Amino acid sequence: MAAARPLPLSLLLIAALATAISSSATTAPAAAASFFPKEALPTKPGYLPIPSANANFFMLGPYVVANTSAGAALEPNPYAWNRRFGVIFLDSPLGTGYSAAPSPSDIPTTQPVVAADVIAALRAFLSAQPPAFRARPLFLTGESYSGKTLPAVGALILATNPALPERERINLRGVAIGDGLVHPVPQVTTHAATAYYMGLVNARQRRGVEALQAEAVRLTRAQRWREASDARDRVRAALGAGAGGAPWQLFNPAVNDALHDDEMKSAKPDVEALLRAAPATRALLYEGNRDLHDGVVTAEAWLPELEWDGLPAFLNASLAVWRTNDGDLAGYVQKHGALVHVAVFGAGHLVAAAQPRSAQEMIEDWVFDKGLFGGGAPA
């Protein structure tokens, strides 16, 4: 009898620029054991809840934080991503969450350094597991600024694997990016038009934002990276996405400042490296159709610039209507070869928070290469 095919190791969730957490890592295991249900504790099948608070407890983990009459409480999450495979949450880059940086000078400033740190953490985790565990398929996923980090990590894995003994190679099978900042120049040029056609700005305001966008593009092409990032921030501020508002912040300001020069640099070459690999590394891009920041329109702006021999067939592929298992409209899917692009209906920047059922069905079908999300590179 043939041996059963192992389940995927699963998803390495990278919460880029997440909230800094001050709890002591040395006391975390004991505190976790006394506070969390046993289902939320580390298990050998692969789920390791290293607390990336935003993703784990509000979107993807086995339990979510809910407000009750008695205060905050943990409730089972019916849309958890560890239902059919193990999940690892990793706070990245260094300086976010429990990935504490000894000092601000230790926070990485470029994606190659971030990628090397992620791979070092992943290798350390895998080295502590049985050999069969390392052989399981691995999928990387993250959102927003992870659109730059994940391609860098994936490309570095592909570049370094051939020089390693087979037992030490990372079995990367796919990269999934949600509402990602990947190729900033074409993405930043979409905001004014998108806001205008959504009825959020008038014609005069659109012209003003377009001028700011053009300045961000000009500075990027001149490789004046910090000034270009500042210019992009002015575009966002002009659309009402600037500083202020609620006091809680998703970003660690020190990490944000360290990576400020990196903001307008492109990760497109790393995406191309994934798609050109032999065999190709599967890539899933998904965005909420209500995300003005890094949504569907911004992805449609940069995808035609991919230098990949499958691009013409991808661009000519029809949009398929995607419905959940219950028959509700979930979005639209376009795919060819190893590349799948998904517009998620009714979601903003955080797809799994806005449409958890759709997100769960999408990621499970994509990992197992089935349905609308299948048909890519062999898994």
Protein backbone atom coordinates (compact mmCIF):
# COMPACT_ATOMS: atom_id res chain seq x y z
CA MET A 1 0.00 0.00 0.00
CA ALA A 2 1.32 3.42 -0.91
CA ALA A 3 2.15 5.73 1.96
CA ALA A 4 -0.41 8.41 2.68
CA ARG A 5 0.51 11.80 1.27
CA PRO A 6 1.40 14.12 4.18
CA LEU A 7 -0.71 17.16 4.82
CA PRO A 8 0.96 20.49 4.09
CA LEU A 9 3.05 22.02 6.83
CA SER A 10 0.88 24.91 5.81
CA LEU A 11 1.13 28.62 5.94
CA LEU A 12 3.84 30.82 7.31
CA LEU A 13 1.88 33.94 8.22
CA ILE A 14 4.03 37.05 8.21
CA ALA A 15 2.45 39.96 10.07
CA ALA A 16 4.62 42.72 8.63
CA LEU A 17 4.84 45.96 10.62
CA ALA A 18 2.60 44.58 13.34
CA THR A 19 1.96 46.07 16.76
CA ALA A 20 4.90 45.86 19.12
CA ILE A 21 4.14 43.70 22.16
CA SER A 22 6.03 44.20 25.41
CA SER A 23 5.28 40.88 27.13
CA SER A 24 8.30 38.85 28.16
CA ALA A 25 8.92 35.91 25.89
CA THR A 26 10.30 33.91 28.82
CA THR A 27 6.94 33.96 30.60
CA ALA A 28 4.80 33.45 27.50
CA PRO A 29 4.52 29.62 27.59
CA ALA A 30 3.34 29.52 31.22
CA ALA A 31 0.94 32.41 30.67
CA ALA A 32 -0.42 30.81 27.52
CA ALA A 33 -0.98 27.49 29.25
CA SER A 34 -3.05 29.14 31.98
CA PHE A 35 -5.07 31.46 29.71
CA PHE A 36 -5.64 29.81 26.34
CA PRO A 37 -7.80 26.75 25.60
CA LYS A 38 -5.75 23.66 24.80
CA GLU A 39 -6.76 23.90 21.13
CA ALA A 40 -4.85 27.19 20.91
CA LEU A 41 -1.58 25.81 22.29
CA PRO A 42 1.32 24.51 20.15
CA THR A 43 0.75 21.05 18.70
CA LYS A 44 2.94 18.57 16.84
CA PRO A 45 0.68 18.60 13.73
CA GLY A 46 2.06 22.01 12.96
CA TYR A 47 -0.02 24.77 14.54
CA LEU A 48 2.23 27.06 16.52
CA PRO A 49 0.49 30.21 17.78
CA ILE A 50 3.43 32.55 18.16
CA PRO A 51 1.20 35.54 18.88
CA SER A 52 0.81 37.71 15.84
CA ALA A 53 -2.10 39.38 17.55
CA ASN A 54 -3.82 40.92 14.55
CA ALA A 55 -3.88 37.79 12.37
CA ASN A 56 -4.15 35.14 15.08
CA PHE A 57 -6.77 36.49 17.45
CA PHE A 58 -8.87 38.61 15.09
CA MET A 59 -8.85 36.71 11.79
CA LEU A 60 -7.24 33.33 11.26
CA GLY A 61 -6.48 31.52 14.50
CA PRO A 62 -8.53 28.75 16.15
CA TYR A 63 -9.94 31.26 18.64
CA VAL A 64 -10.90 34.90 18.15
CA VAL A 65 -11.30 37.69 20.65
CA ALA A 66 -14.96 38.64 21.08
CA ASN A 67 -16.59 41.39 23.10
CA THR A 68 -19.13 40.00 25.55
CA SER A 69 -21.17 41.48 28.40
CA ALA A 70 -18.48 40.18 30.75
CA GLY A 71 -15.67 41.74 28.70
CA ALA A 72 -13.26 40.32 26.14
CA ALA A 73 -13.33 36.56 25.74
CA LEU A 74 -11.95 33.90 23.41
CA GLU A 75 -14.48 32.12 21.23
CA PRO A 76 -13.93 29.26 18.74
CA ASN A 77 -13.33 30.55 15.23
CA PRO A 78 -15.34 28.54 12.67
CA TYR A 79 -13.24 30.08 9.89
CA ALA A 80 -9.80 29.26 11.29
CA TRP A 81 -7.10 28.53 8.73
CA ASN A 82 -5.70 25.57 10.66
CA ARG A 83 -8.77 23.41 10.04
CA ARG A 84 -7.10 21.23 7.39
CA PHE A 85 -3.40 21.97 7.81
CA GLY A 86 -0.97 23.36 10.35
CA VAL A 87 -0.31 27.08 10.61
CA ILE A 88 2.70 28.97 11.90
CA PHE A 89 2.33 32.64 12.81
CA LEU A 90 5.56 34.63 12.61
CA ASP A 91 5.94 38.27 13.64
CA SER A 92 8.13 39.88 11.00
CA PRO A 93 10.21 41.94 10.44
CA LEU A 94 12.43 41.97 13.50
CA GLY A 95 11.04 44.55 15.91
CA THR A 96 7.38 43.56 15.67
CA GLY A 97 5.36 41.47 18.09
CA TYR A 98 7.44 38.88 19.92
CA SER A 99 10.27 39.22 17.38
CA ALA A 100 11.96 41.73 19.65
CA ALA A 101 14.88 43.78 18.35
CA PRO A 102 17.71 44.39 20.86
CA SER A 103 17.88 47.99 19.62
CA PRO A 104 16.44 50.12 16.79
CA SER A 105 19.71 49.69 14.89
CA ASP A 106 19.02 45.93 14.66
CA ILE A 107 15.73 46.44 12.78
CA PRO A 108 16.28 45.49 9.11
CA THR A 109 16.03 48.20 6.46
CA THR A 110 15.81 46.12 3.27
CA GLN A 111 13.78 43.15 2.07
CA PRO A 112 16.83 40.87 1.50
CA VAL A 113 17.69 41.20 5.19
CA VAL A 114 14.07 40.65 6.24
CA ALA A 115 13.93 37.56 4.02
CA ALA A 116 17.14 36.16 5.48
CA ASP A 117 15.75 36.62 9.00
CA VAL A 118 12.51 34.85 8.10
CA ILE A 119 14.36 31.91 6.57
CA ALA A 120 16.65 31.66 9.61
CA ALA A 121 13.59 31.47 11.86
CA LEU A 122 11.95 28.91 9.61
CA ARG A 123 15.08 26.74 9.46
CA ALA A 124 15.41 26.86 13.24
CA PHE A 125 11.80 25.71 13.59
CA LEU A 126 12.17 22.91 11.04
CA SER A 127 15.45 21.68 12.48
CA ALA A 128 13.67 20.92 15.74
CA GLN A 129 11.14 18.70 13.96
CA PRO A 130 11.39 15.08 12.72
CA PRO A 131 12.79 14.68 9.17
CA ALA A 132 9.36 13.81 7.75
CA PHE A 133 8.04 17.14 8.98
CA ARG A 134 10.59 19.12 6.96
CA ALA A 135 9.48 17.32 3.79
CA ARG A 136 5.91 18.59 4.05
CA PRO A 137 4.82 21.23 1.52
CA LEU A 138 5.16 24.80 2.76
CA PHE A 139 3.04 27.76 1.70
CA LEU A 140 3.87 31.34 2.64
CA THR A 141 1.14 33.90 3.08
CA GLY A 142 0.67 37.41 4.42
CA GLU A 143 -1.02 40.72 3.70
CA SER A 144 -0.27 44.34 2.88
CA TYR A 145 3.49 45.11 3.19
CA SER A 146 4.09 41.36 3.09
CA GLY A 147 3.54 41.81 -0.65
CA LYS A 148 7.20 42.85 -0.68
CA THR A 149 8.49 40.41 1.95
CA LEU A 150 6.90 37.16 0.77
CA PRO A 151 8.30 37.27 -2.79
CA ALA A 152 11.72 38.08 -1.33
CA VAL A 153 11.51 35.11 1.05
CA GLY A 154 10.28 32.77 -1.68
CA ALA A 155 12.93 33.86 -4.17
CA LEU A 156 15.68 33.44 -1.57
CA ILE A 157 14.47 29.93 -0.71
CA LEU A 158 14.58 28.98 -4.39
CA ALA A 159 18.04 30.52 -4.82
CA THR A 160 19.59 28.79 -1.78
CA ASN A 161 17.89 25.38 -1.89
CA PRO A 162 20.08 23.87 -4.69
CA ALA A 163 23.27 24.35 -2.67
CA LEU A 164 21.85 22.58 0.39
CA PRO A 165 21.66 18.87 1.13
CA GLU A 166 18.21 17.60 0.22
CA ARG A 167 17.30 17.00 3.86
CA GLU A 168 17.88 20.71 4.63
CA ARG A 169 15.90 22.17 1.74
CA ILE A 170 12.65 23.99 2.36
CA ASN A 171 9.80 22.44 0.39
CA LEU A 172 8.23 25.68 -0.79
CA ARG A 173 5.10 25.11 -2.90
CA GLY A 174 3.35 28.46 -3.03
CA VAL A 175 3.10 32.10 -1.98
CA ALA A 176 -0.22 33.85 -1.25
CA ILE A 177 -0.36 37.64 -0.99
CA GLY A 178 -3.43 39.49 0.24
CA ASP A 179 -3.94 43.17 -0.67
CA GLY A 180 -0.20 43.50 -1.12
CA LEU A 181 2.13 46.36 -1.90
CA VAL A 182 4.28 44.61 -4.51
CA HIS A 183 5.20 46.99 -7.34
CA PRO A 184 4.60 50.49 -5.93
CA VAL A 185 4.92 52.75 -9.00
CA PRO A 186 1.93 51.47 -10.99
CA GLN A 187 0.00 50.85 -7.77
CA VAL A 188 0.33 54.40 -6.45
CA THR A 189 -0.96 55.83 -9.75
CA THR A 190 -4.38 54.21 -9.29
CA HIS A 191 -5.58 55.85 -6.10
CA ALA A 192 -6.99 59.10 -7.49
CA ALA A 193 -9.03 57.45 -10.24
CA THR A 194 -10.30 54.72 -7.91
CA ALA A 195 -11.39 57.22 -5.29
CA TYR A 196 -13.07 59.37 -7.97
CA TYR A 197 -15.09 56.52 -9.46
CA MET A 198 -16.06 55.35 -5.98
CA GLY A 199 -17.51 58.81 -5.36
CA LEU A 200 -15.04 59.67 -2.61
CA VAL A 201 -13.46 62.73 -4.28
CA ASN A 202 -14.61 65.21 -6.90
CA ALA A 203 -12.84 66.15 -10.13
CA ARG A 204 -10.81 68.95 -8.56
CA GLN A 205 -9.64 66.72 -5.72
CA ARG A 206 -8.78 63.98 -8.20
CA ARG A 207 -6.46 66.33 -10.08
CA GLY A 208 -4.74 67.27 -6.83
CA VAL A 209 -4.16 63.63 -5.86
CA GLU A 210 -2.92 62.81 -9.37
CA ALA A 211 -0.28 65.54 -9.01
CA LEU A 212 0.87 63.99 -5.74
CA GLN A 213 0.97 60.56 -7.37
CA ALA A 214 3.11 61.87 -10.21
CA GLU A 215 5.57 63.31 -7.69
CA ALA A 216 5.84 59.92 -5.94
CA VAL A 217 6.54 58.23 -9.28
CA ARG A 218 9.13 60.85 -10.29
CA LEU A 219 11.04 60.47 -7.01
CA THR A 220 10.92 56.69 -7.21
CA ARG A 221 12.35 56.65 -10.73
CA ALA A 222 15.10 58.94 -9.48
CA GLN A 223 15.78 56.39 -6.69
CA ARG A 224 15.24 59.05 -4.04
CA TRP A 225 13.64 56.40 -1.89
CA ARG A 226 12.87 58.22 1.35
CA GLU A 227 11.45 61.23 -0.46
CA ALA A 228 9.41 58.90 -2.66
CA SER A 229 7.96 57.18 0.40
CA ASP A 230 7.11 60.55 1.91
CA ALA A 231 5.36 61.46 -1.35
CA ARG A 232 3.30 58.26 -1.23
CA ASP A 233 2.32 59.12 2.34
CA ARG A 234 1.08 62.51 1.07
CA VAL A 235 -1.11 60.72 -1.48
CA ARG A 236 -2.65 58.64 1.28
CA ALA A 237 -3.12 61.69 3.51
CA ALA A 238 -4.88 63.56 0.70
CA LEU A 239 -7.40 60.71 0.55
CA GLY A 240 -8.01 60.83 4.30
CA ALA A 241 -5.68 57.96 5.21
CA GLY A 242 -3.11 60.03 7.06
CA ALA A 243 -2.16 60.16 10.73
CA GLY A 244 -4.77 60.64 13.41
CA GLY A 245 -7.98 58.88 14.30
CA ALA A 246 -8.07 55.99 16.74
CA PRO A 247 -5.10 55.81 19.15
CA TRP A 248 -4.50 52.07 18.55
CA GLN A 249 -1.91 51.45 15.85
CA LEU A 250 -1.20 48.38 13.76
CA PHE A 251 2.30 49.63 12.96
CA ASN A 252 5.42 49.72 15.06
CA PRO A 253 6.75 53.24 14.30
CA ALA A 254 10.39 52.17 14.71
CA VAL A 255 10.00 49.40 12.13
CA ASN A 256 8.04 51.69 9.84
CA ASP A 257 10.86 54.24 9.96
CA ALA A 258 13.56 51.61 9.41
CA LEU A 259 11.85 50.39 6.25
CA HIS A 260 10.84 53.83 4.99
CA ASP A 261 13.50 53.85 2.26
CA ASP A 262 12.31 50.40 1.19
CA GLU A 263 8.67 51.38 0.73
CA MET A 264 8.74 52.38 -2.94
CA LYS A 265 11.14 49.66 -4.11
CA SER A 266 9.59 46.92 -6.25
CA ALA A 267 9.24 43.22 -5.40
CA LYS A 268 8.16 42.39 -8.97
CA PRO A 269 11.48 40.68 -9.87
CA ASP A 270 11.02 38.29 -6.94
CA VAL A 271 7.48 37.42 -8.09
CA GLU A 272 8.90 36.74 -11.55
CA ALA A 273 11.54 34.46 -10.03
CA LEU A 274 8.80 32.41 -8.37
CA LEU A 275 6.79 32.04 -11.57
CA ARG A 276 9.84 31.23 -13.71
CA ALA A 277 11.14 28.51 -11.40
CA ALA A 278 11.12 24.92 -12.63
CA PRO A 279 8.67 23.78 -11.51
CA ALA A 280 6.96 27.12 -10.98
CA THR A 281 6.10 28.18 -7.44
CA ARG A 282 2.36 28.75 -7.27
CA ALA A 283 1.28 32.34 -6.58
CA LEU A 284 -2.08 33.50 -5.25
CA LEU A 285 -2.88 37.22 -5.27
CA TYR A 286 -6.13 38.24 -3.60
CA GLU A 287 -7.61 41.63 -2.74
CA GLY A 288 -10.84 43.02 -1.36
CA ASN A 289 -12.87 44.88 -3.97
CA ARG A 290 -13.41 47.72 -1.47
CA ASP A 291 -9.73 48.25 -0.72
CA LEU A 292 -8.62 51.63 -2.05
CA HIS A 293 -5.12 51.22 -0.62
CA ASP A 294 -3.73 48.02 -2.16
CA GLY A 295 -6.85 46.51 -3.70
CA VAL A 296 -7.94 44.93 -6.95
CA VAL A 297 -7.32 48.01 -9.08
CA THR A 298 -3.72 48.35 -7.87
CA ALA A 299 -3.03 44.68 -8.67
CA GLU A 300 -4.56 45.08 -12.14
CA ALA A 301 -2.18 48.01 -12.65
CA TRP A 302 1.04 46.10 -11.96
CA LEU A 303 0.30 42.58 -13.18
CA PRO A 304 0.61 43.50 -16.91
CA GLU A 305 4.20 44.54 -16.22
CA LEU A 306 5.25 41.01 -15.20
CA GLU A 307 8.08 39.60 -17.33
CA TRP A 308 6.83 36.01 -17.47
CA ASP A 309 6.12 33.86 -20.50
CA GLY A 310 2.68 32.94 -19.14
CA LEU A 311 1.52 36.56 -18.92
CA PRO A 312 -0.29 36.81 -22.31
CA ALA A 313 -2.37 33.72 -21.55
CA PHE A 314 -3.09 34.99 -18.04
CA LEU A 315 -4.25 38.40 -19.28
CA ASN A 316 -6.49 36.73 -21.88
CA ALA A 317 -8.06 34.36 -19.34
CA SER A 318 -11.70 34.96 -18.52
CA LEU A 319 -12.91 36.00 -15.08
CA ALA A 320 -14.73 33.13 -13.40
CA VAL A 321 -17.53 33.85 -10.94
CA TRP A 322 -16.65 32.41 -7.55
CA ARG A 323 -19.32 31.36 -5.07
CA THR A 324 -18.93 29.93 -1.57
CA ASN A 325 -20.00 26.37 -0.83
CA ASP A 326 -23.33 27.86 0.29
CA GLY A 327 -23.84 29.50 -3.11
CA ASP A 328 -23.19 33.10 -2.04
CA LEU A 329 -21.24 35.37 -4.37
CA ALA A 330 -17.66 35.47 -3.09
CA GLY A 331 -15.79 37.18 -5.93
CA TYR A 332 -14.04 36.55 -9.22
CA VAL A 333 -11.03 34.44 -10.19
CA GLN A 334 -8.60 34.81 -13.08
CA LYS A 335 -5.82 32.26 -13.53
CA HIS A 336 -3.28 30.70 -15.81
CA GLY A 337 -0.52 28.26 -14.95
CA ALA A 338 0.90 28.96 -11.52
CA LEU A 339 -0.73 32.39 -11.14
CA VAL A 340 -4.17 32.94 -9.61
CA HIS A 341 -5.69 36.39 -9.04
CA VAL A 342 -8.80 36.78 -6.91
CA ALA A 343 -11.11 39.75 -6.31
CA VAL A 344 -12.93 39.12 -3.02
CA PHE A 345 -16.42 40.62 -2.95
CA GLY A 346 -17.39 42.75 0.04
CA ALA A 347 -13.90 42.94 1.59
CA GLY A 348 -11.52 45.79 2.25
CA HIS A 349 -7.82 45.68 3.11
CA LEU A 350 -8.11 42.73 5.53
CA VAL A 351 -9.94 40.06 3.56
CA ALA A 352 -10.00 37.39 6.26
CA ALA A 353 -11.54 39.82 8.74
CA ALA A 354 -14.25 41.09 6.39
CA GLN A 355 -15.11 37.83 4.61
CA PRO A 356 -13.84 34.98 6.81
CA ARG A 357 -15.85 32.20 5.16
CA SER A 358 -14.70 33.19 1.68
CA ALA A 359 -11.10 33.52 2.84
CA GLN A 360 -11.13 30.09 4.47
CA GLU A 361 -12.58 28.36 1.42
CA MET A 362 -10.17 30.20 -0.89
CA ILE A 363 -7.01 29.33 1.03
CA GLU A 364 -8.01 25.70 1.54
CA ASP A 365 -8.88 25.13 -2.12
CA TRP A 366 -5.70 26.90 -3.24
CA VAL A 367 -3.42 24.90 -0.94
CA PHE A 368 -5.02 21.64 -2.10
CA ASP A 369 -4.98 22.81 -5.75
CA LYS A 370 -8.67 22.23 -6.38
CA GLY A 371 -11.74 23.93 -7.85
CA LEU A 372 -11.41 27.44 -9.25
CA PHE A 373 -8.07 27.81 -7.44
CA GLY A 374 -6.50 24.65 -8.85
CA GLY A 375 -4.88 23.79 -12.13
CA GLY A 376 -1.58 25.53 -11.49
CA ALA A 377 1.86 24.00 -11.07
CA PRO A 378 1.74 20.44 -9.74
CA ALA A 379 1.63 20.30 -5.94
